Amino acid sequence: MQFTLTDLGIVSALGCGVAETEKRLFAGDASGMRTCAGTLPNGETTPFGYADLPASAFAAAPTRVAALLDAALAQLEPALARLRERMPSARIGAVVGTSNSTMEEFTSDPTRIDMAYPAERLRDKWGVGGPQWVVSTACSSSGKVFAGARKLLETGLCDAVLVGGADAFTRVVVNGFFALEALSPRPTRPLAADRDGINLGEGAAVFVMRRAEDVPRGGPSVALLGVGESSDAHHLTAPDPEGRGAEAAMRAALADAKLPPSAVGYVNLHGTGTVYNDAMECAAVRRVFGDGVPCSSTKPLTGHALGAAGAIEAALCWIALRRGRGLPPHVVRPVDRALAPFPVPEVGNDAVASVALSNSFAFGGSNACVVLGRNR
């Protein structure tokens, strides 16, 4: 059985909507990364990838994560209307990843924290009547959701599934990463010799997933080819320096897709910009793919959106595959070639890939990889 990601709603520091996101992605536009001030102690600041929504959108929503989900789902309303015409709401499911959920509201009202909230929002506002749940495994959350969504279609419990992730700015989490000495005070520099930490971000990306046999043919489409997961449990926050869990997840995704490593034309790195993450990931990528596959990190353009990162970065792969030319650029230069000898796409590249793999690695050694492919 094959599965197609037919439609996408997205909002991040790269913009709101597929067209704006595509334009700013391939231009390497990092203007959505703005200074996060008044949150950290002693006047410290860090860049943050704020979602490109007006303040009024956040003010009108009951929670910040609700505003992000609503912005993404509004883009899917035509697709949802078509689905409602063809099937009852009980046949439409939802699997959503998040890490922060309503944690920002929790800082002022301890009764407000609700990790299941994103699924509840899809149920209550957007009429999703089928099975729905939230995955919360930190930064791998919305990489892992694709396996669950696929299972709902495989088993016949649903005929369509909304799958993705959403995470919102929260002061608690920003300060937590600051306490871990993981935040960079400057724009993050993945794959650079002088990399010194991450920039956080927020956003939402939600796909409509359906069985390929149920989708009318016509124009390019993007298939979910494979999902791989692993848990190395090396340390509560630090990655396994050998990248064994990351490697296992990539190999599992390729096996699930029934593809050799040579079939992959692009890897979207987890690429956080910390010394240890980039070192272990590059080592793992080289063991799986050698030095020939183009790789980039898009986090300098979006920030690390934590529980939404997997979905947002899969969405950037989806956009590139549908576009059919150009790979998501790596805007940080120079690249440390001792660390990353593989091709690293620049702004304006015209490389073509028909299969892309996206990595998401989390605290506690929770790893997820998603393989997407372009159909004609």
Protein backbone atom coordinates (compact mmCIF):
# COMPACT_ATOMS: atom_id res chain seq x y z
CA MET A 1 0.00 0.00 0.00
CA GLN A 2 1.30 3.46 -0.92
CA PHE A 3 0.57 6.78 0.76
CA THR A 4 0.44 10.32 -0.58
CA LEU A 5 0.82 13.69 1.14
CA THR A 6 -1.66 15.63 -0.95
CA ASP A 7 -1.89 19.07 0.68
CA LEU A 8 0.12 21.18 3.11
CA GLY A 9 -0.59 24.04 5.48
CA ILE A 10 2.49 25.69 6.98
CA VAL A 11 3.53 28.68 9.07
CA SER A 12 7.00 29.41 10.42
CA ALA A 13 9.64 32.10 10.42
CA LEU A 14 9.82 31.51 6.65
CA GLY A 15 6.27 32.75 6.19
CA CYS A 16 2.65 31.69 6.16
CA GLY A 17 1.57 29.42 3.33
CA VAL A 18 3.35 27.22 0.82
CA ALA A 19 4.04 29.95 -1.76
CA GLU A 20 5.66 32.39 0.66
CA THR A 21 7.59 29.61 2.39
CA GLU A 22 8.94 28.35 -0.93
CA LYS A 23 10.00 31.81 -2.06
CA ARG A 24 11.84 32.65 1.14
CA LEU A 25 13.33 29.17 1.55
CA PHE A 26 15.06 29.16 -1.81
CA ALA A 27 16.16 32.78 -1.37
CA GLY A 28 17.82 31.79 1.91
CA ASP A 29 15.80 34.52 3.63
CA ALA A 30 16.53 34.47 7.37
CA SER A 31 14.70 37.72 8.12
CA GLY A 32 12.12 35.81 10.18
CA MET A 33 14.82 35.15 12.79
CA ARG A 34 14.40 38.01 15.23
CA THR A 35 15.95 38.88 18.59
CA CYS A 36 14.30 37.29 21.58
CA ALA A 37 14.66 39.93 24.28
CA GLY A 38 13.22 40.33 27.78
CA THR A 39 13.06 36.59 28.37
CA LEU A 40 16.55 35.49 29.39
CA PRO A 41 18.32 36.55 32.59
CA ASN A 42 20.86 39.39 32.83
CA GLY A 43 19.69 40.97 29.58
CA GLU A 44 20.93 38.08 27.45
CA THR A 45 19.41 37.72 23.99
CA THR A 46 19.21 35.04 21.32
CA PRO A 47 17.71 34.89 17.83
CA PHE A 48 14.29 33.19 17.68
CA GLY A 49 12.28 32.02 14.70
CA TYR A 50 8.95 33.73 15.34
CA ALA A 51 6.03 32.52 13.23
CA ASP A 52 5.07 35.00 10.54
CA LEU A 53 1.61 35.89 11.87
CA PRO A 54 0.21 39.26 12.95
CA ALA A 55 -0.09 39.91 16.68
CA SER A 56 -3.85 40.03 16.24
CA ALA A 57 -3.88 36.34 15.24
CA PHE A 58 -2.28 35.36 18.52
CA ALA A 59 -4.52 37.71 20.50
CA ALA A 60 -7.66 36.21 18.93
CA ALA A 61 -6.75 32.58 19.72
CA PRO A 62 -7.17 30.91 23.11
CA THR A 63 -3.53 29.77 23.09
CA ARG A 64 -0.47 30.54 21.02
CA VAL A 65 -0.27 27.00 19.63
CA ALA A 66 -3.95 27.29 18.61
CA ALA A 67 -3.12 30.34 16.50
CA LEU A 68 -0.37 28.42 14.72
CA LEU A 69 -2.58 25.40 14.07
CA ASP A 70 -5.43 27.58 12.86
CA ALA A 71 -3.11 29.37 10.41
CA ALA A 72 -1.97 26.04 8.97
CA LEU A 73 -5.44 24.47 8.89
CA ALA A 74 -6.99 27.53 7.23
CA GLN A 75 -4.75 26.81 4.24
CA LEU A 76 -6.19 23.28 4.14
CA GLU A 77 -9.82 24.32 4.27
CA PRO A 78 -10.49 23.68 0.54
CA ALA A 79 -8.96 20.21 0.86
CA LEU A 80 -10.91 19.55 4.06
CA ALA A 81 -14.13 20.64 2.38
CA ARG A 82 -13.53 18.14 -0.41
CA LEU A 83 -12.85 15.40 2.13
CA ARG A 84 -16.05 16.19 4.05
CA GLU A 85 -18.03 15.84 0.83
CA ARG A 86 -16.61 12.35 0.28
CA MET A 87 -16.53 10.88 3.79
CA PRO A 88 -17.96 11.36 7.28
CA SER A 89 -15.78 13.18 9.80
CA ALA A 90 -15.30 9.90 11.69
CA ARG A 91 -13.16 8.70 8.76
CA ILE A 92 -10.76 11.66 9.14
CA GLY A 93 -8.07 11.21 11.80
CA ALA A 94 -5.26 13.34 13.19
CA VAL A 95 -1.78 12.63 14.55
CA VAL A 96 0.10 15.73 15.71
CA GLY A 97 3.50 16.22 17.30
CA THR A 98 4.27 18.86 19.92
CA SER A 99 6.75 19.52 22.69
CA ASN A 100 5.54 22.76 24.29
CA SER A 101 1.81 22.73 23.49
CA THR A 102 0.17 25.16 25.95
CA MET A 103 3.23 25.60 28.17
CA GLU A 104 3.41 29.36 27.63
CA GLU A 105 -0.08 29.74 29.08
CA PHE A 106 0.96 27.43 31.93
CA THR A 107 3.47 30.04 33.11
CA SER A 108 0.59 32.30 34.14
CA ASP A 109 -2.09 29.67 34.84
CA PRO A 110 -0.93 26.21 36.03
CA THR A 111 -4.27 24.68 35.03
CA ARG A 112 -3.67 25.45 31.35
CA ILE A 113 -0.97 22.91 30.47
CA ASP A 114 -2.41 20.29 28.10
CA MET A 115 -0.13 18.21 25.92
CA ALA A 116 -3.14 16.77 24.07
CA TYR A 117 -4.33 20.23 23.12
CA PRO A 118 -3.27 20.22 19.43
CA ALA A 119 -5.43 17.16 18.73
CA GLU A 120 -8.27 18.65 20.75
CA ARG A 121 -8.06 21.82 18.64
CA LEU A 122 -8.33 19.81 15.43
CA ARG A 123 -11.33 17.99 16.85
CA ASP A 124 -13.19 20.96 18.31
CA LYS A 125 -12.52 23.69 15.73
CA TRP A 126 -11.74 21.75 12.58
CA GLY A 127 -14.22 18.88 12.83
CA VAL A 128 -11.80 15.93 12.90
CA GLY A 129 -14.03 13.12 14.14
CA GLY A 130 -11.83 10.08 13.70
CA PRO A 131 -9.02 8.76 15.90
CA GLN A 132 -6.68 11.49 17.03
CA TRP A 133 -3.68 11.74 19.32
CA VAL A 134 -0.57 13.75 20.09
CA VAL A 135 3.03 12.53 20.06
CA SER A 136 5.34 14.35 22.47
CA THR A 137 8.91 13.06 22.33
CA ALA A 138 10.67 16.42 22.26
CA CYS A 139 12.41 17.21 18.95
CA SER A 140 11.45 13.94 17.24
CA SER A 141 7.72 14.41 17.93
CA SER A 142 6.50 15.39 14.49
CA GLY A 143 8.91 13.08 12.71
CA LYS A 144 7.35 10.12 14.50
CA VAL A 145 3.74 11.10 13.66
CA PHE A 146 3.99 9.86 10.08
CA ALA A 147 4.20 6.23 11.18
CA GLY A 148 1.07 6.57 13.29
CA ALA A 149 -0.87 8.32 10.55
CA ARG A 150 0.12 5.66 8.06
CA LYS A 151 -1.12 2.94 10.42
CA LEU A 152 -4.57 4.54 10.58
CA LEU A 153 -4.79 4.31 6.78
CA GLU A 154 -3.25 0.83 6.57
CA THR A 155 -5.73 -0.63 9.04
CA GLY A 156 -8.72 1.02 7.39
CA LEU A 157 -9.65 3.03 10.47
CA CYS A 158 -9.42 6.25 8.45
CA ASP A 159 -9.59 7.35 4.83
CA ALA A 160 -7.65 10.57 5.44
CA VAL A 161 -5.39 11.74 8.24
CA LEU A 162 -4.16 15.21 9.18
CA VAL A 163 -0.55 14.68 10.17
CA GLY A 164 2.06 17.19 11.30
CA GLY A 165 3.23 19.21 14.25
CA ALA A 166 2.89 22.50 16.07
CA ASP A 167 4.94 24.20 18.75
CA ALA A 168 4.83 27.72 20.13
CA PHE A 169 7.19 30.12 21.84
CA THR A 170 7.40 29.62 25.58
CA ARG A 171 9.64 31.41 28.05
CA VAL A 172 10.11 28.31 30.18
CA VAL A 173 11.64 26.35 27.31
CA VAL A 174 13.83 29.21 26.07
CA ASN A 175 15.22 29.62 29.57
CA GLY A 176 15.64 25.86 29.89
CA PHE A 177 17.87 25.69 26.83
CA PHE A 178 19.74 28.74 28.12
CA ALA A 179 20.37 26.91 31.41
CA LEU A 180 21.73 23.96 29.42
CA GLU A 181 24.14 26.39 27.70
CA ALA A 182 22.72 25.22 24.37
CA LEU A 183 21.50 28.57 23.00
CA SER A 184 23.66 30.64 20.71
CA PRO A 185 23.58 34.42 21.23
CA ARG A 186 24.10 34.87 17.48
CA PRO A 187 22.52 33.27 14.39
CA THR A 188 23.08 29.53 14.60
CA ARG A 189 25.88 28.06 12.45
CA PRO A 190 25.28 24.37 11.67
CA LEU A 191 28.23 22.58 10.01
CA ALA A 192 30.58 25.50 10.75
CA ALA A 193 33.82 25.04 12.66
CA ASP A 194 32.78 27.84 15.03
CA ARG A 195 29.25 26.57 15.71
CA ASP A 196 28.21 27.27 19.28
CA GLY A 197 24.55 26.41 19.80
CA ILE A 198 20.99 26.52 18.61
CA ASN A 199 18.36 29.14 17.90
CA LEU A 200 14.83 28.12 18.83
CA GLY A 201 11.69 28.75 16.78
CA GLU A 202 7.99 28.04 16.50
CA GLY A 203 5.50 27.10 13.83
CA ALA A 204 3.14 24.48 12.47
CA ALA A 205 2.98 22.21 9.45
CA VAL A 206 0.06 19.91 8.72
CA PHE A 207 -0.37 17.56 5.75
CA VAL A 208 -3.35 15.67 4.41
CA MET A 209 -2.27 12.04 4.05
CA ARG A 210 -4.29 9.51 2.03
CA ARG A 211 -3.87 6.12 0.45
CA ALA A 212 -2.40 6.68 -3.00
CA GLU A 213 -5.13 4.58 -4.61
CA ASP A 214 -7.74 7.03 -3.31
CA VAL A 215 -6.10 10.15 -4.76
CA PRO A 216 -6.98 11.32 -8.28
CA ARG A 217 -3.98 11.38 -10.60
CA GLY A 218 -2.68 14.59 -12.11
CA GLY A 219 0.41 16.70 -11.57
CA PRO A 220 3.36 15.97 -9.30
CA SER A 221 2.61 14.49 -5.90
CA VAL A 222 4.74 13.52 -2.91
CA ALA A 223 4.64 10.06 -1.38
CA LEU A 224 5.52 8.97 2.12
CA LEU A 225 7.98 6.22 1.25
CA GLY A 226 9.35 5.23 4.63
CA VAL A 227 9.68 6.03 8.32
CA GLY A 228 12.46 4.88 10.63
CA GLU A 229 12.70 5.20 14.40
CA SER A 230 15.23 4.27 17.05
CA SER A 231 15.99 4.95 20.70
CA ASP A 232 19.60 4.92 21.81
CA ALA A 233 18.95 6.28 25.34
CA HIS A 234 22.57 7.40 25.56
CA HIS A 235 21.95 10.41 27.83
CA LEU A 236 19.08 12.61 28.98
CA THR A 237 20.17 15.54 26.78
CA ALA A 238 23.45 14.68 25.00
CA PRO A 239 23.45 12.65 21.78
CA ASP A 240 25.40 9.44 21.43
CA PRO A 241 28.73 10.79 20.11
CA GLU A 242 28.99 7.89 17.67
CA GLY A 243 25.54 8.61 16.23
CA ARG A 244 24.52 4.96 16.43
CA GLY A 245 20.86 5.74 17.12
CA ALA A 246 20.77 8.28 14.30
CA GLU A 247 22.32 5.77 11.93
CA ALA A 248 19.86 3.06 12.99
CA ALA A 249 16.91 5.37 12.34
CA MET A 250 18.16 6.31 8.86
CA ARG A 251 18.79 2.70 7.94
CA ALA A 252 15.35 1.72 9.27
CA ALA A 253 13.71 4.42 7.15
CA LEU A 254 15.52 3.23 4.03
CA ALA A 255 14.58 -0.38 4.75
CA ASP A 256 10.97 0.66 5.26
CA ALA A 257 11.07 2.48 1.92
CA LYS A 258 12.80 -0.51 0.29
CA LEU A 259 15.44 1.83 -1.10
CA PRO A 260 19.24 1.72 -1.15
CA PRO A 261 21.10 4.76 0.20
CA SER A 262 22.06 5.67 -3.37
CA ALA A 263 18.40 6.41 -4.16
CA VAL A 264 18.35 9.40 -1.81
CA GLY A 265 19.10 12.70 -3.51
CA TYR A 266 18.92 15.02 -0.51
CA VAL A 267 19.12 14.85 3.29
CA ASN A 268 17.59 17.53 5.48
CA LEU A 269 19.83 17.36 8.52
CA HIS A 270 18.62 17.74 12.08
CA GLY A 271 21.51 20.22 12.01
CA THR A 272 21.01 22.10 15.28
CA GLY A 273 24.36 23.90 15.27
CA THR A 274 25.64 22.44 18.53
CA VAL A 275 29.13 20.97 18.58
CA TYR A 276 28.02 17.47 19.52
CA ASN A 277 24.83 17.11 17.46
CA ASP A 278 26.47 18.14 14.20
CA ALA A 279 29.50 15.93 14.80
CA MET A 280 27.50 12.79 15.53
CA GLU A 281 24.99 13.42 12.73
CA CYS A 282 27.64 14.02 10.08
CA ALA A 283 29.44 10.86 11.14
CA ALA A 284 26.21 8.86 10.94
CA VAL A 285 25.23 10.34 7.56
CA ARG A 286 28.64 9.51 6.12
CA ARG A 287 28.41 5.90 7.31
CA VAL A 288 25.01 5.51 5.66
CA PHE A 289 25.45 7.55 2.48
CA GLY A 290 29.16 8.15 2.04
CA ASP A 291 30.18 11.66 0.96
CA GLY A 292 28.03 11.98 -2.16
CA VAL A 293 24.55 12.96 -0.97
CA PRO A 294 23.70 16.69 -0.74
CA CYS A 295 22.82 17.74 2.83
CA SER A 296 21.70 20.98 4.42
CA SER A 297 20.28 22.31 7.65
CA THR A 298 17.33 24.69 7.30
CA LYS A 299 17.26 25.65 10.99
CA PRO A 300 19.13 28.94 10.37
CA LEU A 301 15.99 30.00 8.46
CA THR A 302 13.31 28.71 10.85
CA GLY A 303 14.94 28.20 14.20
CA HIS A 304 14.63 24.85 15.93
CA ALA A 305 10.86 24.46 16.30
CA LEU A 306 11.25 21.50 18.68
CA GLY A 307 8.10 19.35 18.49
CA ALA A 308 7.14 20.98 15.18
CA ALA A 309 10.60 20.73 13.62
CA GLY A 310 10.13 17.29 12.07
CA ALA A 311 6.93 18.31 10.29
CA ILE A 312 8.24 21.71 9.19
CA GLU A 313 11.42 20.21 7.76
CA ALA A 314 9.50 17.39 6.07
CA ALA A 315 7.34 20.16 4.61
CA LEU A 316 10.40 21.92 3.19
CA CYS A 317 11.38 18.62 1.55
CA TRP A 318 7.80 18.27 0.24
CA ILE A 319 8.00 21.77 -1.26
CA ALA A 320 11.37 21.06 -2.89
CA LEU A 321 10.20 17.73 -4.35
CA ARG A 322 7.04 19.26 -5.83
CA ARG A 323 9.04 22.20 -7.17
CA GLY A 324 11.26 19.75 -9.03
CA ARG A 325 14.42 21.86 -9.09
CA GLY A 326 16.69 23.22 -6.40
CA LEU A 327 17.41 21.80 -2.96
CA PRO A 328 16.83 23.67 0.33
CA PRO A 329 19.97 25.79 0.71
CA HIS A 330 22.43 25.80 3.57
CA VAL A 331 22.97 29.50 4.25
CA VAL A 332 25.87 29.18 6.70
CA ARG A 333 29.31 29.63 5.13
CA PRO A 334 32.02 28.54 5.32
CA VAL A 335 31.27 24.88 6.02
CA ASP A 336 33.82 22.86 7.97
CA ARG A 337 34.83 20.39 5.27
CA ALA A 338 36.54 18.11 7.77
CA LEU A 339 33.13 17.71 9.39
CA ALA A 340 30.95 17.79 6.28
CA PRO A 341 32.76 16.78 3.07
CA PHE A 342 29.47 15.99 1.30
CA PRO A 343 27.81 18.48 -1.10
CA VAL A 344 26.12 21.34 0.77
CA PRO A 345 23.61 23.21 -1.48
CA GLU A 346 23.95 26.97 -1.76
CA VAL A 347 21.28 29.58 -2.46
CA GLY A 348 20.44 29.45 -6.17
CA ASN A 349 21.37 25.81 -6.67
CA ASP A 350 19.48 23.93 -9.38
CA ALA A 351 20.13 20.38 -8.16
CA VAL A 352 17.31 17.86 -8.58
CA ALA A 353 16.25 15.10 -6.21
CA SER A 354 13.35 12.70 -6.47
CA VAL A 355 13.83 11.22 -2.98
CA ALA A 356 14.56 13.16 0.21
CA LEU A 357 15.23 12.05 3.77
CA SER A 358 14.60 14.27 6.80
CA ASN A 359 16.20 13.68 10.21
CA SER A 360 14.74 14.51 13.63
CA PHE A 361 16.70 13.67 16.78
CA ALA A 362 15.61 14.35 20.35
CA PHE A 363 16.64 14.42 23.97
CA GLY A 364 16.80 10.96 25.48
CA GLY A 365 17.95 9.42 22.22
CA SER A 366 14.56 9.41 20.47
CA ASN A 367 15.28 9.43 16.73
CA ALA A 368 13.01 9.59 13.68
CA CYS A 369 13.67 9.77 9.94
CA VAL A 370 11.15 10.28 7.17
CA VAL A 371 11.68 9.42 3.49
CA LEU A 372 9.62 11.29 0.89
CA GLY A 373 9.53 10.77 -2.87
CA ARG A 374 8.28 12.72 -5.85
CA ASN A 375 5.71 10.96 -8.03
CA ARG A 376 4.96 12.04 -11.58
